[in-house]
Structures are given as C-alpha cells and as structure tokens.
Amino acid sequence: MNITIYHNPACGTSRNTLALIRNAGIEPDVIEYTKNPPTREALKEMIEKAGLTVRQAIREKGTPYAELELGNPALTDDQLLDAMLCHPILINRPFVITPDGVRLCRPSEVVLDILSLPQKGAFAKEDGEMVINAKGERVSKPV
C-alpha cells in the first residue's frame, strides 16, 4: 500500500500518526516537510483533497503566524500558500495521503479513517491514551 506522511518528528501528533500507520504493517514514505516541503501544486491539492480551506491547513502555534500577520482576513489563499511555502513550519501536520483519501491527522487517530489495512495489535499514544485494543480494534473514547 502506497502511503505518504508529511511528518515533523518534533510533533507528538505526527509521531503518533506515523506509529499508527506502522501498527497496520505499513512502512510509509516519510517526508519531513520542514526539510523537504511539498510543491505549491502538491500542497494545494493535499489541502483540497482533505476537504480543508487553506486557512484551516495553517499552523499557528510555534510558528511565525502572528509575526507575519497571517490572521488578516484580507489575505488571499495564494498569499497564505506563499507564506506556507516560505515557512514550511506553517503547514499543519501531519498530512497523510493514502489510496483511500487525504487527511490532516489531528488528532492522530483520524488516520484510521483512511487506512484499509487493520491494526496489528494494541496501540497507545505517547501520552498513554489507548487508541487500539489488544484485538486491533479501535477504542472508543468515553462520553
């Protein structure tokens, strides 16, 4: 199965998403997008296929978002894409591309919606939250 993750190893959500992909027995193509950002066309396509707006795909926390005044509603999608490509840390993560779809995997278990292979065993996030039980089944969160 051909899967690509736009990954930031410094991000816990990104690490958890990558681990869930691997828990399905898949070794994805891992792209550290801060070192190797997508092309403008690829970024725009990922955002569209994920069903997001460009604004929804921008990360604010720990980025130059405020400094660049990217919250200004007068900025166009093209201007926002330019900023994301100039400062790849502004690209929210992790984006995952599979034959079953594209998602911004926040929270990390969103990746399960686009993985057609089952989980191979139990999985807990780095914070200890159980996501997959010992039978490889998704654990539902308490209400």
C-alpha atoms as a PDB file:
ATOM      1  CA  MET A   1       0.000   0.000   0.000  1.00  0.00           C
ATOM      2  CA  ASN A   2       1.440   3.357  -1.059  1.00  0.00           C
ATOM      3  CA  ILE A   3       1.119   5.864   1.791  1.00  0.00           C
ATOM      4  CA  THR A   4       2.851   9.196   2.300  1.00  0.00           C
ATOM      5  CA  ILE A   5       3.049  11.137   5.539  1.00  0.00           C
ATOM      6  CA  TYR A   6       4.202  14.743   5.691  1.00  0.00           C
ATOM      7  CA  HIS A   7       5.885  14.363   9.049  1.00  0.00           C
ATOM      8  CA  ASN A   8       7.528  16.500  11.693  1.00  0.00           C
ATOM      9  CA  PRO A   9       9.493  14.282  14.103  1.00  0.00           C
ATOM     10  CA  ALA A  10       9.324  17.035  16.747  1.00  0.00           C
ATOM     11  CA  CYS A  11       5.499  16.774  16.834  1.00  0.00           C
ATOM     12  CA  GLY A  12       3.840  14.184  19.090  1.00  0.00           C
ATOM     13  CA  THR A  13       0.708  14.035  16.928  1.00  0.00           C
ATOM     14  CA  SER A  14       2.847  13.370  13.880  1.00  0.00           C
ATOM     15  CA  ARG A  15       4.838  10.668  15.708  1.00  0.00           C
ATOM     16  CA  ASN A  16       1.618   9.001  16.915  1.00  0.00           C
ATOM     17  CA  THR A  17       0.160   9.079  13.391  1.00  0.00           C
ATOM     18  CA  LEU A  18       3.288   7.502  11.938  1.00  0.00           C
ATOM     19  CA  ALA A  19       3.196   4.814  14.637  1.00  0.00           C
ATOM     20  CA  LEU A  20      -0.463   4.007  13.830  1.00  0.00           C
ATOM     21  CA  ILE A  21       0.419   3.581  10.156  1.00  0.00           C
ATOM     22  CA  ARG A  22       3.253   1.248  11.114  1.00  0.00           C
ATOM     23  CA  ASN A  23       0.931  -0.614  13.510  1.00  0.00           C
ATOM     24  CA  ALA A  24      -1.055  -1.603  10.402  1.00  0.00           C
ATOM     25  CA  GLY A  25       2.110  -3.194   8.997  1.00  0.00           C
ATOM     26  CA  ILE A  26       2.777  -0.371   6.535  1.00  0.00           C
ATOM     27  CA  GLU A  27       6.066   1.443   6.043  1.00  0.00           C
ATOM     28  CA  PRO A  28       5.036   4.780   4.543  1.00  0.00           C
ATOM     29  CA  ASP A  29       7.025   7.255   2.527  1.00  0.00           C
ATOM     30  CA  VAL A  30       8.018   9.696   5.278  1.00  0.00           C
ATOM     31  CA  ILE A  31       8.613  13.257   4.132  1.00  0.00           C
ATOM     32  CA  GLU A  32       9.999  15.660   6.721  1.00  0.00           C
ATOM     33  CA  TYR A  33       8.170  18.613   5.240  1.00  0.00           C
ATOM     34  CA  THR A  34      10.203  21.245   7.095  1.00  0.00           C
ATOM     35  CA  LYS A  35      13.290  19.980   5.241  1.00  0.00           C
ATOM     36  CA  ASN A  36      11.538  18.953   2.007  1.00  0.00           C
ATOM     37  CA  PRO A  37       8.347  20.974   1.635  1.00  0.00           C
ATOM     38  CA  PRO A  38       5.775  19.967  -0.957  1.00  0.00           C
ATOM     39  CA  THR A  39       5.463  21.921  -4.170  1.00  0.00           C
ATOM     40  CA  ARG A  40       2.815  24.611  -4.318  1.00  0.00           C
ATOM     41  CA  GLU A  41       0.647  22.353  -6.508  1.00  0.00           C
ATOM     42  CA  ALA A  42       1.056  19.356  -4.161  1.00  0.00           C
ATOM     43  CA  LEU A  43       0.248  21.435  -1.075  1.00  0.00           C
ATOM     44  CA  LYS A  44      -2.831  22.961  -2.689  1.00  0.00           C
ATOM     45  CA  GLU A  45      -4.006  19.512  -3.828  1.00  0.00           C
ATOM     46  CA  MET A  46      -3.477  17.968  -0.363  1.00  0.00           C
ATOM     47  CA  ILE A  47      -5.479  20.732   1.270  1.00  0.00           C
ATOM     48  CA  GLU A  48      -8.315  20.407  -1.251  1.00  0.00           C
ATOM     49  CA  LYS A  49      -8.430  16.590  -1.083  1.00  0.00           C
ATOM     50  CA  ALA A  50      -8.521  16.768   2.711  1.00  0.00           C
ATOM     51  CA  GLY A  51     -11.607  18.985   2.413  1.00  0.00           C
ATOM     52  CA  LEU A  52      -9.943  21.925   4.112  1.00  0.00           C
ATOM     53  CA  THR A  53      -9.525  25.582   3.353  1.00  0.00           C
ATOM     54  CA  VAL A  54      -6.015  26.991   3.155  1.00  0.00           C
ATOM     55  CA  ARG A  55      -6.638  28.792   6.452  1.00  0.00           C
ATOM     56  CA  GLN A  56      -7.591  25.507   8.136  1.00  0.00           C
ATOM     57  CA  ALA A  57      -4.281  23.994   7.000  1.00  0.00           C
ATOM     58  CA  ILE A  58      -2.122  26.681   8.621  1.00  0.00           C
ATOM     59  CA  ARG A  59      -0.496  26.009  11.956  1.00  0.00           C
ATOM     60  CA  GLU A  60      -0.431  28.957  14.336  1.00  0.00           C
ATOM     61  CA  LYS A  61       1.272  27.605  17.474  1.00  0.00           C
ATOM     62  CA  GLY A  62       5.071  27.686  17.439  1.00  0.00           C
ATOM     63  CA  THR A  63       5.240  29.396  14.051  1.00  0.00           C
ATOM     64  CA  PRO A  64       5.710  32.924  12.666  1.00  0.00           C
ATOM     65  CA  TYR A  65       1.914  33.109  12.085  1.00  0.00           C
ATOM     66  CA  ALA A  66       1.331  36.174  14.297  1.00  0.00           C
ATOM     67  CA  GLU A  67       4.564  37.878  13.277  1.00  0.00           C
ATOM     68  CA  LEU A  68       3.562  37.568   9.599  1.00  0.00           C
ATOM     69  CA  GLU A  69       0.021  38.780  10.424  1.00  0.00           C
ATOM     70  CA  LEU A  70      -1.485  35.753   8.694  1.00  0.00           C
ATOM     71  CA  GLY A  71      -4.723  36.150  10.639  1.00  0.00           C
ATOM     72  CA  ASN A  72      -5.537  39.140   8.435  1.00  0.00           C
ATOM     73  CA  PRO A  73      -8.799  38.165   6.659  1.00  0.00           C
ATOM     74  CA  ALA A  74      -7.813  40.247   3.626  1.00  0.00           C
ATOM     75  CA  LEU A  75      -5.035  37.775   2.742  1.00  0.00           C
ATOM     76  CA  THR A  76      -5.839  35.541  -0.213  1.00  0.00           C
ATOM     77  CA  ASP A  77      -5.303  31.799  -0.399  1.00  0.00           C
ATOM     78  CA  ASP A  78      -2.394  32.437  -2.756  1.00  0.00           C
ATOM     79  CA  GLN A  79      -0.755  34.736  -0.216  1.00  0.00           C
ATOM     80  CA  LEU A  80      -1.267  32.179   2.535  1.00  0.00           C
ATOM     81  CA  LEU A  81       0.179  29.390   0.358  1.00  0.00           C
ATOM     82  CA  ASP A  82       3.191  31.624  -0.382  1.00  0.00           C
ATOM     83  CA  ALA A  83       3.758  32.052   3.369  1.00  0.00           C
ATOM     84  CA  MET A  84       3.428  28.299   3.977  1.00  0.00           C
ATOM     85  CA  LEU A  85       5.982  27.521   1.292  1.00  0.00           C
ATOM     86  CA  CYS A  86       8.366  30.211   2.501  1.00  0.00           C
ATOM     87  CA  HIS A  87       7.980  28.983   6.119  1.00  0.00           C
ATOM     88  CA  PRO A  88       7.073  25.252   5.940  1.00  0.00           C
ATOM     89  CA  ILE A  89       6.569  25.109   9.717  1.00  0.00           C
ATOM     90  CA  LEU A  90       3.281  26.912   8.980  1.00  0.00           C
ATOM     91  CA  ILE A  91       1.951  23.761   7.266  1.00  0.00           C
ATOM     92  CA  ASN A  92      -0.187  21.972   9.819  1.00  0.00           C
ATOM     93  CA  ARG A  93       0.736  18.346  10.342  1.00  0.00           C
ATOM     94  CA  PRO A  94       0.664  15.572   9.710  1.00  0.00           C
ATOM     95  CA  PHE A  95      -0.939  15.283   6.306  1.00  0.00           C
ATOM     96  CA  VAL A  96      -1.338  11.649   5.234  1.00  0.00           C
ATOM     97  CA  ILE A  97      -2.056  10.518   1.681  1.00  0.00           C
ATOM     98  CA  THR A  98      -3.411   7.008   1.061  1.00  0.00           C
ATOM     99  CA  PRO A  99      -5.338   5.350  -1.778  1.00  0.00           C
ATOM    100  CA  ASP A 100      -8.413   5.841   0.450  1.00  0.00           C
ATOM    101  CA  GLY A 101      -8.024   9.602   0.875  1.00  0.00           C
ATOM    102  CA  VAL A 102      -6.064  12.508   2.286  1.00  0.00           C
ATOM    103  CA  ARG A 103      -6.410  13.785   5.836  1.00  0.00           C
ATOM    104  CA  LEU A 104      -4.848  16.256   8.190  1.00  0.00           C
ATOM    105  CA  CYS A 105      -4.488  13.770  11.043  1.00  0.00           C
ATOM    106  CA  ARG A 106      -5.315  15.896  14.063  1.00  0.00           C
ATOM    107  CA  PRO A 107      -5.958  14.020  16.256  1.00  0.00           C
ATOM    108  CA  SER A 108      -3.666  11.209  15.146  1.00  0.00           C
ATOM    109  CA  GLU A 109      -6.386   8.537  15.099  1.00  0.00           C
ATOM    110  CA  VAL A 110      -8.012  10.314  12.120  1.00  0.00           C
ATOM    111  CA  VAL A 111      -5.518   8.291  10.061  1.00  0.00           C
ATOM    112  CA  LEU A 112      -7.560   5.159  10.839  1.00  0.00           C
ATOM    113  CA  ASP A 113     -10.322   6.523   8.579  1.00  0.00           C
ATOM    114  CA  ILE A 114      -8.045   6.259   5.531  1.00  0.00           C
ATOM    115  CA  LEU A 115      -6.166   3.035   6.309  1.00  0.00           C
ATOM    116  CA  SER A 116      -7.773  -0.004   4.718  1.00  0.00           C
ATOM    117  CA  LEU A 117      -5.473  -2.474   6.498  1.00  0.00           C
ATOM    118  CA  PRO A 118      -6.369  -3.438  10.077  1.00  0.00           C
ATOM    119  CA  GLN A 119      -4.238  -2.601  13.079  1.00  0.00           C
ATOM    120  CA  LYS A 120      -1.981  -5.489  14.080  1.00  0.00           C
ATOM    121  CA  GLY A 121      -2.170  -5.021  17.836  1.00  0.00           C
ATOM    122  CA  ALA A 122      -2.686  -2.689  20.749  1.00  0.00           C
ATOM    123  CA  PHE A 123      -1.606   0.915  20.425  1.00  0.00           C
ATOM    124  CA  ALA A 124      -1.395   3.758  22.924  1.00  0.00           C
ATOM    125  CA  LYS A 125      -0.425   7.320  22.142  1.00  0.00           C
ATOM    126  CA  GLU A 126       2.715   8.753  23.701  1.00  0.00           C
ATOM    127  CA  ASP A 127       0.551  10.245  26.477  1.00  0.00           C
ATOM    128  CA  GLY A 128      -0.775   6.769  27.340  1.00  0.00           C
ATOM    129  CA  GLU A 129      -4.236   7.165  25.776  1.00  0.00           C
ATOM    130  CA  MET A 130      -5.341   3.804  24.367  1.00  0.00           C
ATOM    131  CA  VAL A 131      -6.412   4.043  20.720  1.00  0.00           C
ATOM    132  CA  ILE A 132      -6.310   0.374  19.661  1.00  0.00           C
ATOM    133  CA  ASN A 133      -7.025  -2.598  21.951  1.00  0.00           C
ATOM    134  CA  ALA A 134      -5.180  -5.949  22.004  1.00  0.00           C
ATOM    135  CA  LYS A 135      -7.539  -7.310  19.311  1.00  0.00           C
ATOM    136  CA  GLY A 136      -6.526  -4.499  16.948  1.00  0.00           C
ATOM    137  CA  GLU A 137      -9.882  -2.738  17.380  1.00  0.00           C
ATOM    138  CA  ARG A 138     -10.374   0.983  17.743  1.00  0.00           C
ATOM    139  CA  VAL A 139     -11.124   2.005  21.327  1.00  0.00           C
ATOM    140  CA  SER A 140     -13.954   4.492  21.586  1.00  0.00           C
ATOM    141  CA  LYS A 141     -13.450   7.423  23.875  1.00  0.00           C
ATOM    142  CA  PRO A 142     -15.707   7.671  26.930  1.00  0.00           C
ATOM    143  CA  VAL A 143     -18.508  10.204  26.511  1.00  0.00           C
END
